[in-house]
Structure formats: C-alpha cells, structure tokens
C-alpha cells in the first residue's frame, strides 16, 4: 500500500514522498526525472516492499521543484549538489545508519544518483540507472557527437525564460508529445491513459518552473548554432568515477539519449552491468514496469 508524507529537511527543503514497506527494513530510494513525479514508481514501491521480493522500505521523493516539494524560483537553487543534499538528508531520516540498500533512478533522477554514488559511495549499496546518461559519457557525446547534439537540442527550449508558460498552455499541449513522439509511430504504447494523464495534470498544475530550472542551471547542453563546445565543462575523472555495483537499464528506442552514451561507460564504472532493451523507449518504467522490477530484483540478488 502506497502512503504519502511530507519531510522537512535540515537544509530547509520539504520533500513530498511516496512510500511502501515497513520502516526499519533495508532502504530502497527511487528518483524520478522530467516531466514526471514520484508516482511513476508506485508499482515498484509495492513490488519491493513485498516480503516475497525483499521486504524493503521503499521511498520515492518528489524532487525539489516537483509536485508538492519545495520549489524555489531561483535557478541557482537547482544545482546538482543541492538536490543530492536533499536526498542525503532524506535518507538520514529513513535509515538508522544513513545508507541505502539500493538507489534506483531515471532521467534527471539518474543525474543526481550518479553524483550521489560518486560523492558518497559508502552510503549506496547498489545503484540502478534507467536511461540516464553518465556525466562522463554525456559530456563526451555532447562535445563530439552531432547525433547526440541534435537529440539533446530540446534542452534549450526547456531552458527558455517562457518555457513553463508555453508548456502549460492549452492543457499542456506541448507536454504530451514528450511521451507519444519518443518513437516514430508510437501512441504511448498504451500506458498513457486518461487516468495517467490526469495524474500528470495534477503534478504539472503545481508548477513547472522548478522542472525547467534543471535545464536552465545545467551547463551540459549542446552548443547552440554558432556556438562552440567550449561551454560544456570537462571535469576531472575523479568527479565521474562510481565505485558502486551498478546496473544500467537502457531502452534502445530512446530518441533523446542515444546508445552511444553507453560506449566506454565501464571506464568510469568498473562494477558495471548493462541491460539493453529493444522495443522500449525512455518511458520504460511506464511501459514495462514488471520487466524493470524483475531485472532490478535479479541484480539485487546477485552478490
């Protein structure tokens, strides 16, 4: 059974969370991306809270800027280290020793999960990444791959000063294609029902400024016409290395994040497993939640 709560953190942020499972059990944390919210994990929360599948304490926060979580208006309040701090402080309220059995993340949630596992590997038992590029390979592809530059060009639209107003207009007319046009001929694979649409409307109606600020604050965007790649930061390798057992789940029909992002990933993540999934898009958590759950469970059971 899914329960909800509001958690006020020492840094002043409040996170609205969804949870399943008994407090005190090994902790699994689930991080969503854009334009989603914590509810996308509900099926997995109940799955992993079941004693037959591990009996975990499962917690899925709405990230800063989403749903009923704190949504500061200043762009600088969405820098990665601040969202990582939010999650770390949330974990400290849910785990007696401040650790997680597993951190599961998708899209933007994955960006913060990669950073968390790099900075605090001792706090993450295992890491599961679902279609979220590692910053090392993403930086490389944004600098060198014309195909990935084109696939990521949408980021500049979402960073526009008027992006949230444009996205909210006409019953979020510009939002639905993020889901339905991921693959040519796709109709959303049947999961985007009116009931699911209404859940998204409720989330988006709370405001989109925080979500858009993630795109405004990041320097990891492709160059605009006439610009060079010099604005894309090149960070030291130690900022990218993840020494945590990691399972990367990659839907191959992701039109925004191309398979080239997987090349060379083992150079940054030595304890790496990769599962490539054909005929699935960026929204695989919606499309095939049972497959995602089974693969994560199998990974958690491996030593």
C-alpha atoms as a PDB file:
ATOM      1  CA  UNK A   1       0.000   0.000   0.000  1.00  0.00           C
ATOM      2  CA  UNK A   2       1.343   3.400  -1.001  1.00  0.00           C
ATOM      3  CA  UNK A   3       1.463   6.067   1.692  1.00  0.00           C
ATOM      4  CA  UNK A   4       2.466   9.710   1.357  1.00  0.00           C
ATOM      5  CA  UNK A   5       4.238  12.086   3.694  1.00  0.00           C
ATOM      6  CA  UNK A   6       5.952  15.465   3.757  1.00  0.00           C
ATOM      7  CA  UNK A   7       9.534  15.502   5.076  1.00  0.00           C
ATOM      8  CA  UNK A   8      11.110  18.753   6.253  1.00  0.00           C
ATOM      9  CA  UNK A   9      14.891  18.588   5.930  1.00  0.00           C
ATOM     10  CA  UNK A  10      17.629  20.404   7.880  1.00  0.00           C
ATOM     11  CA  UNK A  11      18.539  22.453   4.786  1.00  0.00           C
ATOM     12  CA  UNK A  12      15.050  23.985   4.725  1.00  0.00           C
ATOM     13  CA  UNK A  13      13.721  21.913   1.840  1.00  0.00           C
ATOM     14  CA  UNK A  14      10.477  19.959   2.164  1.00  0.00           C
ATOM     15  CA  UNK A  15      10.058  16.842   0.040  1.00  0.00           C
ATOM     16  CA  UNK A  16       6.710  15.205  -0.630  1.00  0.00           C
ATOM     17  CA  UNK A  17       7.287  11.456  -0.702  1.00  0.00           C
ATOM     18  CA  UNK A  18       5.567   8.219  -1.585  1.00  0.00           C
ATOM     19  CA  UNK A  19       6.452   5.119   0.351  1.00  0.00           C
ATOM     20  CA  UNK A  20       5.675   1.456   0.858  1.00  0.00           C
ATOM     21  CA  UNK A  21       7.094  -1.119   3.250  1.00  0.00           C
ATOM     22  CA  UNK A  22       7.931  -1.165   6.927  1.00  0.00           C
ATOM     23  CA  UNK A  23      10.227   1.439   8.484  1.00  0.00           C
ATOM     24  CA  UNK A  24      13.486  -0.087   9.644  1.00  0.00           C
ATOM     25  CA  UNK A  25      13.744  -2.504   6.734  1.00  0.00           C
ATOM     26  CA  UNK A  26      16.622  -2.130   4.219  1.00  0.00           C
ATOM     27  CA  UNK A  27      16.019   1.090   2.308  1.00  0.00           C
ATOM     28  CA  UNK A  28      15.433   1.496  -1.419  1.00  0.00           C
ATOM     29  CA  UNK A  29      15.166   5.048  -2.774  1.00  0.00           C
ATOM     30  CA  UNK A  30      13.658   5.861  -6.184  1.00  0.00           C
ATOM     31  CA  UNK A  31      14.379   9.137  -8.037  1.00  0.00           C
ATOM     32  CA  UNK A  32      12.194  10.302 -10.925  1.00  0.00           C
ATOM     33  CA  UNK A  33      13.004  12.616 -13.817  1.00  0.00           C
ATOM     34  CA  UNK A  34      11.352  15.195 -16.089  1.00  0.00           C
ATOM     35  CA  UNK A  35       8.457  15.686 -16.668  1.00  0.00           C
ATOM     36  CA  UNK A  36       7.498  13.024 -14.184  1.00  0.00           C
ATOM     37  CA  UNK A  37       6.930  12.717 -10.440  1.00  0.00           C
ATOM     38  CA  UNK A  38       7.281  10.164  -7.675  1.00  0.00           C
ATOM     39  CA  UNK A  39       4.040   8.376  -8.572  1.00  0.00           C
ATOM     40  CA  UNK A  40       5.720   6.706 -11.577  1.00  0.00           C
ATOM     41  CA  UNK A  41       7.375   4.305  -9.117  1.00  0.00           C
ATOM     42  CA  UNK A  42       4.196   3.119  -7.351  1.00  0.00           C
ATOM     43  CA  UNK A  43       4.189  -0.349  -8.884  1.00  0.00           C
ATOM     44  CA  UNK A  44       7.858  -0.856  -7.991  1.00  0.00           C
ATOM     45  CA  UNK A  45       7.357   0.500  -4.468  1.00  0.00           C
ATOM     46  CA  UNK A  46       4.732  -2.141  -3.764  1.00  0.00           C
ATOM     47  CA  UNK A  47       6.742  -4.842  -5.537  1.00  0.00           C
ATOM     48  CA  UNK A  48       9.896  -4.389  -3.476  1.00  0.00           C
ATOM     49  CA  UNK A  49       8.023  -3.792  -0.200  1.00  0.00           C
ATOM     50  CA  UNK A  50       6.525  -7.293  -0.573  1.00  0.00           C
ATOM     51  CA  UNK A  51       8.489  -9.772   1.589  1.00  0.00           C
ATOM     52  CA  UNK A  52       8.485 -12.118  -1.400  1.00  0.00           C
ATOM     53  CA  UNK A  53      10.653  -9.565  -3.242  1.00  0.00           C
ATOM     54  CA  UNK A  54      12.921  -8.398  -0.450  1.00  0.00           C
ATOM     55  CA  UNK A  55      10.617  -6.652   2.006  1.00  0.00           C
ATOM     56  CA  UNK A  56      12.348  -3.290   1.552  1.00  0.00           C
ATOM     57  CA  UNK A  57      11.388   0.082   2.919  1.00  0.00           C
ATOM     58  CA  UNK A  58      10.764   1.910  -0.364  1.00  0.00           C
ATOM     59  CA  UNK A  59      10.746   5.703  -0.587  1.00  0.00           C
ATOM     60  CA  UNK A  60      10.216   7.828  -3.706  1.00  0.00           C
ATOM     61  CA  UNK A  61      10.550  11.577  -3.145  1.00  0.00           C
ATOM     62  CA  UNK A  62       9.289  14.207  -5.490  1.00  0.00           C
ATOM     63  CA  UNK A  63      12.465  16.092  -6.313  1.00  0.00           C
ATOM     64  CA  UNK A  64      12.905  19.740  -5.410  1.00  0.00           C
ATOM     65  CA  UNK A  65      10.738  21.709  -7.844  1.00  0.00           C
ATOM     66  CA  UNK A  66       8.192  18.924  -8.469  1.00  0.00           C
ATOM     67  CA  UNK A  67       4.677  18.220  -7.205  1.00  0.00           C
ATOM     68  CA  UNK A  68       4.304  19.386  -3.576  1.00  0.00           C
ATOM     69  CA  UNK A  69       8.016  19.510  -2.767  1.00  0.00           C
ATOM     70  CA  UNK A  70       9.716  22.849  -2.179  1.00  0.00           C
ATOM     71  CA  UNK A  71      10.044  24.781  -5.425  1.00  0.00           C
ATOM     72  CA  UNK A  72      12.393  27.743  -5.077  1.00  0.00           C
ATOM     73  CA  UNK A  73      12.240  30.122  -8.021  1.00  0.00           C
ATOM     74  CA  UNK A  74      15.956  30.942  -8.194  1.00  0.00           C
ATOM     75  CA  UNK A  75      17.765  28.966 -10.888  1.00  0.00           C
ATOM     76  CA  UNK A  76      20.863  28.546  -8.703  1.00  0.00           C
ATOM     77  CA  UNK A  77      18.790  26.600  -6.163  1.00  0.00           C
ATOM     78  CA  UNK A  78      18.719  23.664  -8.610  1.00  0.00           C
ATOM     79  CA  UNK A  79      22.432  22.975  -8.792  1.00  0.00           C
ATOM     80  CA  UNK A  80      23.144  19.268  -8.597  1.00  0.00           C
ATOM     81  CA  UNK A  81      24.879  19.287  -5.224  1.00  0.00           C
ATOM     82  CA  UNK A  82      21.796  20.817  -3.613  1.00  0.00           C
ATOM     83  CA  UNK A  83      19.448  18.125  -4.908  1.00  0.00           C
ATOM     84  CA  UNK A  84      21.956  15.473  -3.851  1.00  0.00           C
ATOM     85  CA  UNK A  85      21.963  17.064  -0.392  1.00  0.00           C
ATOM     86  CA  UNK A  86      18.152  16.821  -0.317  1.00  0.00           C
ATOM     87  CA  UNK A  87      18.308  13.085  -0.963  1.00  0.00           C
ATOM     88  CA  UNK A  88      21.119  12.518   1.521  1.00  0.00           C
ATOM     89  CA  UNK A  89      19.187  14.297   4.262  1.00  0.00           C
ATOM     90  CA  UNK A  90      16.035  12.351   3.390  1.00  0.00           C
ATOM     91  CA  UNK A  91      17.970   9.067   3.612  1.00  0.00           C
ATOM     92  CA  UNK A  92      19.237  10.090   7.047  1.00  0.00           C
ATOM     93  CA  UNK A  93      15.607  10.289   8.251  1.00  0.00           C
ATOM     94  CA  UNK A  94      14.733   6.859   6.857  1.00  0.00           C
ATOM     95  CA  UNK A  95      17.863   4.835   7.622  1.00  0.00           C
ATOM     96  CA  UNK A  96      19.460   4.450  11.037  1.00  0.00           C
ATOM     97  CA  UNK A  97      22.967   4.394   9.543  1.00  0.00           C
ATOM     98  CA  UNK A  98      22.309   6.795   6.660  1.00  0.00           C
ATOM     99  CA  UNK A  99      22.726   4.127   3.992  1.00  0.00           C
ATOM    100  CA  UNK A 100      20.597   2.640   1.227  1.00  0.00           C
ATOM    101  CA  UNK A 101      20.450  -0.963   0.082  1.00  0.00           C
ATOM    102  CA  UNK A 102      19.767   0.416  -3.381  1.00  0.00           C
ATOM    103  CA  UNK A 103      19.323   3.711  -5.190  1.00  0.00           C
ATOM    104  CA  UNK A 104      17.144   3.472  -8.321  1.00  0.00           C
ATOM    105  CA  UNK A 105      16.896   6.423 -10.677  1.00  0.00           C
ATOM    106  CA  UNK A 106      15.627   7.525 -14.076  1.00  0.00           C
ATOM    107  CA  UNK A 107      16.348  10.546 -16.295  1.00  0.00           C
ATOM    108  CA  UNK A 108      17.193  13.623 -14.153  1.00  0.00           C
ATOM    109  CA  UNK A 109      16.947  11.456 -11.069  1.00  0.00           C
ATOM    110  CA  UNK A 110      19.813   9.481 -12.550  1.00  0.00           C
ATOM    111  CA  UNK A 111      21.944  12.597 -12.858  1.00  0.00           C
ATOM    112  CA  UNK A 112      21.690  13.084  -9.108  1.00  0.00           C
ATOM    113  CA  UNK A 113      22.109   9.363  -8.418  1.00  0.00           C
ATOM    114  CA  UNK A 114      25.374   9.277 -10.403  1.00  0.00           C
ATOM    115  CA  UNK A 115      26.576  12.259  -8.388  1.00  0.00           C
ATOM    116  CA  UNK A 116      25.449  10.761  -5.091  1.00  0.00           C
ATOM    117  CA  UNK A 117      27.227   7.452  -5.775  1.00  0.00           C
ATOM    118  CA  UNK A 118      30.394   9.317  -6.773  1.00  0.00           C
ATOM    119  CA  UNK A 119      30.454  11.534  -3.702  1.00  0.00           C
ATOM    120  CA  UNK A 120      29.137   9.070  -1.091  1.00  0.00           C
ATOM    121  CA  UNK A 121      29.781   5.519  -2.323  1.00  0.00           C
ATOM    122  CA  UNK A 122      29.759   4.137   1.203  1.00  0.00           C
ATOM    123  CA  UNK A 123      26.104   5.160   1.522  1.00  0.00           C
ATOM    124  CA  UNK A 124      24.895   3.323  -1.597  1.00  0.00           C
ATOM    125  CA  UNK A 125      24.750  -0.477  -1.515  1.00  0.00           C
ATOM    126  CA  UNK A 126      23.826  -0.839  -5.182  1.00  0.00           C
ATOM    127  CA  UNK A 127      22.977   1.635  -7.920  1.00  0.00           C
ATOM    128  CA  UNK A 128      20.354   1.151 -10.638  1.00  0.00           C
ATOM    129  CA  UNK A 129      20.240   3.641 -13.505  1.00  0.00           C
ATOM    130  CA  UNK A 130      17.412   3.656 -16.066  1.00  0.00           C
ATOM    131  CA  UNK A 131      18.056   5.677 -19.226  1.00  0.00           C
ATOM    132  CA  UNK A 132      20.070   8.406 -17.588  1.00  0.00           C
ATOM    133  CA  UNK A 133      23.433   9.303 -19.083  1.00  0.00           C
ATOM    134  CA  UNK A 134      26.598   9.136 -17.035  1.00  0.00           C
ATOM    135  CA  UNK A 135      28.122  12.634 -16.924  1.00  0.00           C
ATOM    136  CA  UNK A 136      31.421  11.411 -18.378  1.00  0.00           C
ATOM    137  CA  UNK A 137      29.949   9.837 -21.500  1.00  0.00           C
ATOM    138  CA  UNK A 138      27.285  12.551 -21.809  1.00  0.00           C
ATOM    139  CA  UNK A 139      29.924  15.273 -21.816  1.00  0.00           C
ATOM    140  CA  UNK A 140      31.914  13.372 -24.420  1.00  0.00           C
ATOM    141  CA  UNK A 141      28.902  12.840 -26.692  1.00  0.00           C
ATOM    142  CA  UNK A 142      27.693  16.432 -26.348  1.00  0.00           C
ATOM    143  CA  UNK A 143      31.130  17.613 -27.416  1.00  0.00           C
ATOM    144  CA  UNK A 144      31.796  15.076 -30.188  1.00  0.00           C
ATOM    145  CA  UNK A 145      28.574  13.528 -31.485  1.00  0.00           C
ATOM    146  CA  UNK A 146      26.433  15.536 -33.888  1.00  0.00           C
ATOM    147  CA  UNK A 147      23.654  12.988 -33.444  1.00  0.00           C
ATOM    148  CA  UNK A 148      23.558  13.406 -29.672  1.00  0.00           C
ATOM    149  CA  UNK A 149      23.792  17.173 -30.004  1.00  0.00           C
ATOM    150  CA  UNK A 150      20.708  17.099 -32.216  1.00  0.00           C
ATOM    151  CA  UNK A 151      18.891  14.661 -29.908  1.00  0.00           C
ATOM    152  CA  UNK A 152      19.568  16.957 -26.927  1.00  0.00           C
ATOM    153  CA  UNK A 153      18.652  20.210 -28.660  1.00  0.00           C
ATOM    154  CA  UNK A 154      15.253  20.210 -26.910  1.00  0.00           C
ATOM    155  CA  UNK A 155      17.077  21.148 -23.693  1.00  0.00           C
ATOM    156  CA  UNK A 156      17.401  24.727 -24.925  1.00  0.00           C
ATOM    157  CA  UNK A 157      13.636  25.011 -25.393  1.00  0.00           C
ATOM    158  CA  UNK A 158      13.071  23.860 -21.816  1.00  0.00           C
ATOM    159  CA  UNK A 159      15.607  26.440 -20.605  1.00  0.00           C
ATOM    160  CA  UNK A 160      13.797  29.379 -22.257  1.00  0.00           C
ATOM    161  CA  UNK A 161      12.541  32.075 -19.872  1.00  0.00           C
ATOM    162  CA  UNK A 162       8.973  31.419 -21.025  1.00  0.00           C
ATOM    163  CA  UNK A 163       9.223  27.627 -21.150  1.00  0.00           C
ATOM    164  CA  UNK A 164       6.826  26.885 -18.305  1.00  0.00           C
ATOM    165  CA  UNK A 165       4.145  29.170 -19.750  1.00  0.00           C
ATOM    166  CA  UNK A 166       4.473  27.582 -23.174  1.00  0.00           C
ATOM    167  CA  UNK A 167       4.360  24.070 -21.697  1.00  0.00           C
ATOM    168  CA  UNK A 168       1.261  24.779 -19.589  1.00  0.00           C
ATOM    169  CA  UNK A 169      -0.767  26.331 -22.417  1.00  0.00           C
ATOM    170  CA  UNK A 170      -3.764  24.539 -23.946  1.00  0.00           C
ATOM    171  CA  UNK A 171      -3.978  21.724 -21.412  1.00  0.00           C
ATOM    172  CA  UNK A 172      -0.227  21.104 -21.571  1.00  0.00           C
ATOM    173  CA  UNK A 173      -0.408  20.603 -25.320  1.00  0.00           C
ATOM    174  CA  UNK A 174       3.387  20.700 -25.684  1.00  0.00           C
ATOM    175  CA  UNK A 175       3.956  18.192 -22.864  1.00  0.00           C
ATOM    176  CA  UNK A 176       2.171  15.119 -24.196  1.00  0.00           C
ATOM    177  CA  UNK A 177       4.465  14.727 -27.242  1.00  0.00           C
ATOM    178  CA  UNK A 178       7.398  14.101 -24.883  1.00  0.00           C
ATOM    179  CA  UNK A 179       5.682  10.775 -24.248  1.00  0.00           C
ATOM    180  CA  UNK A 180       3.954   9.959 -27.516  1.00  0.00           C
ATOM    181  CA  UNK A 181       6.585  11.028 -30.050  1.00  0.00           C
ATOM    182  CA  UNK A 182       9.564   9.287 -28.450  1.00  0.00           C
ATOM    183  CA  UNK A 183       9.427   6.670 -31.206  1.00  0.00           C
ATOM    184  CA  UNK A 184       8.061   7.101 -34.725  1.00  0.00           C
ATOM    185  CA  UNK A 185       4.522   5.801 -34.837  1.00  0.00           C
ATOM    186  CA  UNK A 186       4.279   5.453 -31.073  1.00  0.00           C
ATOM    187  CA  UNK A 187       0.955   6.146 -29.383  1.00  0.00           C
ATOM    188  CA  UNK A 188       2.472   5.973 -25.941  1.00  0.00           C
ATOM    189  CA  UNK A 189       2.433   2.150 -26.023  1.00  0.00           C
ATOM    190  CA  UNK A 190      -0.995   2.163 -24.411  1.00  0.00           C
ATOM    191  CA  UNK A 191       0.104   3.304 -20.967  1.00  0.00           C
ATOM    192  CA  UNK A 192      -0.818   6.968 -21.387  1.00  0.00           C
ATOM    193  CA  UNK A 193      -4.451   6.531 -20.383  1.00  0.00           C
ATOM    194  CA  UNK A 194      -6.757   9.365 -19.404  1.00  0.00           C
ATOM    195  CA  UNK A 195      -6.255   8.373 -15.774  1.00  0.00           C
ATOM    196  CA  UNK A 196      -2.482   8.686 -16.091  1.00  0.00           C
ATOM    197  CA  UNK A 197      -2.871  11.972 -17.969  1.00  0.00           C
ATOM    198  CA  UNK A 198      -4.936  13.331 -15.109  1.00  0.00           C
ATOM    199  CA  UNK A 199      -2.215  12.397 -12.616  1.00  0.00           C
ATOM    200  CA  UNK A 200       0.269  14.309 -14.728  1.00  0.00           C
ATOM    201  CA  UNK A 201      -2.059  17.296 -14.983  1.00  0.00           C
ATOM    202  CA  UNK A 202      -2.246  17.431 -11.192  1.00  0.00           C
ATOM    203  CA  UNK A 203       1.557  17.368 -10.917  1.00  0.00           C
ATOM    204  CA  UNK A 204       2.164  19.921 -13.653  1.00  0.00           C
ATOM    205  CA  UNK A 205      -0.564  22.240 -12.362  1.00  0.00           C
ATOM    206  CA  UNK A 206       1.507  22.676  -9.201  1.00  0.00           C
ATOM    207  CA  UNK A 207       4.047  24.487 -11.375  1.00  0.00           C
ATOM    208  CA  UNK A 208       6.755  23.771 -13.934  1.00  0.00           C
ATOM    209  CA  UNK A 209       9.326  26.422 -13.036  1.00  0.00           C
ATOM    210  CA  UNK A 210      11.348  24.095 -10.833  1.00  0.00           C
ATOM    211  CA  UNK A 211      11.488  21.426 -13.515  1.00  0.00           C
ATOM    212  CA  UNK A 212      12.549  23.936 -16.166  1.00  0.00           C
ATOM    213  CA  UNK A 213      15.187  25.333 -13.821  1.00  0.00           C
ATOM    214  CA  UNK A 214      17.014  21.999 -14.039  1.00  0.00           C
ATOM    215  CA  UNK A 215      17.590  22.748 -17.727  1.00  0.00           C
ATOM    216  CA  UNK A 216      18.453  26.378 -17.072  1.00  0.00           C
ATOM    217  CA  UNK A 217      21.078  25.632 -14.449  1.00  0.00           C
ATOM    218  CA  UNK A 218      22.974  22.857 -16.212  1.00  0.00           C
ATOM    219  CA  UNK A 219      25.929  23.748 -18.454  1.00  0.00           C
ATOM    220  CA  UNK A 220      25.686  20.300 -20.040  1.00  0.00           C
ATOM    221  CA  UNK A 221      23.635  21.299 -23.055  1.00  0.00           C
ATOM    222  CA  UNK A 222      24.616  21.043 -26.720  1.00  0.00           C
ATOM    223  CA  UNK A 223      26.019  24.194 -28.325  1.00  0.00           C
ATOM    224  CA  UNK A 224      23.540  26.500 -29.990  1.00  0.00           C
ATOM    225  CA  UNK A 225      24.079  27.380 -33.676  1.00  0.00           C
ATOM    226  CA  UNK A 226      27.195  29.498 -33.928  1.00  0.00           C
ATOM    227  CA  UNK A 227      28.496  28.392 -30.549  1.00  0.00           C
ATOM    228  CA  UNK A 228      31.400  26.050 -29.844  1.00  0.00           C
ATOM    229  CA  UNK A 229      31.553  23.154 -27.395  1.00  0.00           C
ATOM    230  CA  UNK A 230      33.847  25.140 -25.122  1.00  0.00           C
ATOM    231  CA  UNK A 231      30.948  25.967 -22.803  1.00  0.00           C
ATOM    232  CA  UNK A 232      30.484  22.285 -21.937  1.00  0.00           C
ATOM    233  CA  UNK A 233      32.589  21.606 -18.844  1.00  0.00           C
ATOM    234  CA  UNK A 234      35.300  18.961 -18.799  1.00  0.00           C
ATOM    235  CA  UNK A 235      35.643  17.802 -15.214  1.00  0.00           C
ATOM    236  CA  UNK A 236      38.351  15.689 -13.585  1.00  0.00           C
ATOM    237  CA  UNK A 237      37.834  11.939 -13.922  1.00  0.00           C
ATOM    238  CA  UNK A 238      37.534  11.553 -10.150  1.00  0.00           C
ATOM    239  CA  UNK A 239      34.293  13.543 -10.329  1.00  0.00           C
ATOM    240  CA  UNK A 240      32.851  10.867 -12.611  1.00  0.00           C
ATOM    241  CA  UNK A 241      34.075   7.585 -11.139  1.00  0.00           C
ATOM    242  CA  UNK A 242      31.452   5.387  -9.459  1.00  0.00           C
ATOM    243  CA  UNK A 243      32.836   2.500  -7.410  1.00  0.00           C
ATOM    244  CA  UNK A 244      29.442   1.061  -6.503  1.00  0.00           C
ATOM    245  CA  UNK A 245      27.951  -2.109  -8.053  1.00  0.00           C
ATOM    246  CA  UNK A 246      25.860  -0.589 -10.822  1.00  0.00           C
ATOM    247  CA  UNK A 247      23.136  -1.912 -13.116  1.00  0.00           C
ATOM    248  CA  UNK A 248      22.318   0.242 -16.133  1.00  0.00           C
ATOM    249  CA  UNK A 249      18.965  -0.481 -17.761  1.00  0.00           C
ATOM    250  CA  UNK A 250      18.796   1.040 -21.240  1.00  0.00           C
ATOM    251  CA  UNK A 251      15.758   1.176 -23.520  1.00  0.00           C
ATOM    252  CA  UNK A 252      17.168   1.333 -27.028  1.00  0.00           C
ATOM    253  CA  UNK A 253      14.347   3.349 -28.620  1.00  0.00           C
ATOM    254  CA  UNK A 254      15.108   6.419 -26.525  1.00  0.00           C
ATOM    255  CA  UNK A 255      15.112   9.252 -29.050  1.00  0.00           C
ATOM    256  CA  UNK A 256      16.730  11.734 -26.662  1.00  0.00           C
ATOM    257  CA  UNK A 257      19.509   9.578 -25.206  1.00  0.00           C
ATOM    258  CA  UNK A 258      21.290   7.564 -27.856  1.00  0.00           C
ATOM    259  CA  UNK A 259      23.055   4.222 -27.314  1.00  0.00           C
ATOM    260  CA  UNK A 260      26.450   5.870 -27.877  1.00  0.00           C
ATOM    261  CA  UNK A 261      26.158   7.080 -24.292  1.00  0.00           C
ATOM    262  CA  UNK A 262      26.880   3.507 -23.168  1.00  0.00           C
ATOM    263  CA  UNK A 263      30.216   3.330 -25.009  1.00  0.00           C
ATOM    264  CA  UNK A 264      33.168   3.473 -22.630  1.00  0.00           C
ATOM    265  CA  UNK A 265      30.923   3.550 -19.563  1.00  0.00           C
ATOM    266  CA  UNK A 266      32.958   0.802 -17.893  1.00  0.00           C
ATOM    267  CA  UNK A 267      35.923   3.202 -17.770  1.00  0.00           C
ATOM    268  CA  UNK A 268      34.013   5.244 -15.198  1.00  0.00           C
ATOM    269  CA  UNK A 269      32.012   2.451 -13.555  1.00  0.00           C
ATOM    270  CA  UNK A 270      34.201  -0.616 -13.046  1.00  0.00           C
ATOM    271  CA  UNK A 271      31.485  -2.691 -11.299  1.00  0.00           C
ATOM    272  CA  UNK A 272      29.064  -2.393 -14.186  1.00  0.00           C
ATOM    273  CA  UNK A 273      26.271  -4.478 -15.689  1.00  0.00           C
ATOM    274  CA  UNK A 274      24.272  -3.235 -18.678  1.00  0.00           C
ATOM    275  CA  UNK A 275      20.887  -4.500 -19.866  1.00  0.00           C
ATOM    276  CA  UNK A 276      19.821  -3.229 -23.302  1.00  0.00           C
ATOM    277  CA  UNK A 277      16.101  -3.434 -24.003  1.00  0.00           C
ATOM    278  CA  UNK A 278      14.863  -3.277 -27.620  1.00  0.00           C
ATOM    279  CA  UNK A 279      11.367  -2.016 -28.473  1.00  0.00           C
ATOM    280  CA  UNK A 280      11.221   0.207 -25.408  1.00  0.00           C
ATOM    281  CA  UNK A 281      11.581   3.969 -25.047  1.00  0.00           C
ATOM    282  CA  UNK A 282      12.729   6.473 -22.439  1.00  0.00           C
ATOM    283  CA  UNK A 283       9.447   5.804 -20.604  1.00  0.00           C
ATOM    284  CA  UNK A 284      10.168   2.127 -19.966  1.00  0.00           C
ATOM    285  CA  UNK A 285       9.140   2.433 -16.307  1.00  0.00           C
ATOM    286  CA  UNK A 286       5.618   3.184 -17.554  1.00  0.00           C
ATOM    287  CA  UNK A 287       5.761   0.773 -20.489  1.00  0.00           C
ATOM    288  CA  UNK A 288       7.165  -2.340 -18.815  1.00  0.00           C
ATOM    289  CA  UNK A 289       7.220  -1.924 -15.011  1.00  0.00           C
ATOM    290  CA  UNK A 290       7.201  -5.659 -14.332  1.00  0.00           C
ATOM    291  CA  UNK A 291      10.230  -6.217 -16.550  1.00  0.00           C
ATOM    292  CA  UNK A 292      12.044  -3.371 -14.808  1.00  0.00           C
ATOM    293  CA  UNK A 293      11.144  -4.795 -11.393  1.00  0.00           C
ATOM    294  CA  UNK A 294      12.291  -8.323 -12.248  1.00  0.00           C
ATOM    295  CA  UNK A 295      15.627  -7.154 -13.648  1.00  0.00           C
ATOM    296  CA  UNK A 296      16.310  -4.959 -10.627  1.00  0.00           C
ATOM    297  CA  UNK A 297      15.405  -7.793  -8.289  1.00  0.00           C
ATOM    298  CA  UNK A 298      17.750 -10.183 -10.062  1.00  0.00           C
ATOM    299  CA  UNK A 299      20.558  -7.613  -9.833  1.00  0.00           C
ATOM    300  CA  UNK A 300      19.965  -7.081  -6.116  1.00  0.00           C
ATOM    301  CA  UNK A 301      20.120 -10.819  -5.525  1.00  0.00           C
ATOM    302  CA  UNK A 302      23.477 -11.177  -7.242  1.00  0.00           C
ATOM    303  CA  UNK A 303      26.463 -10.851  -4.932  1.00  0.00           C
END
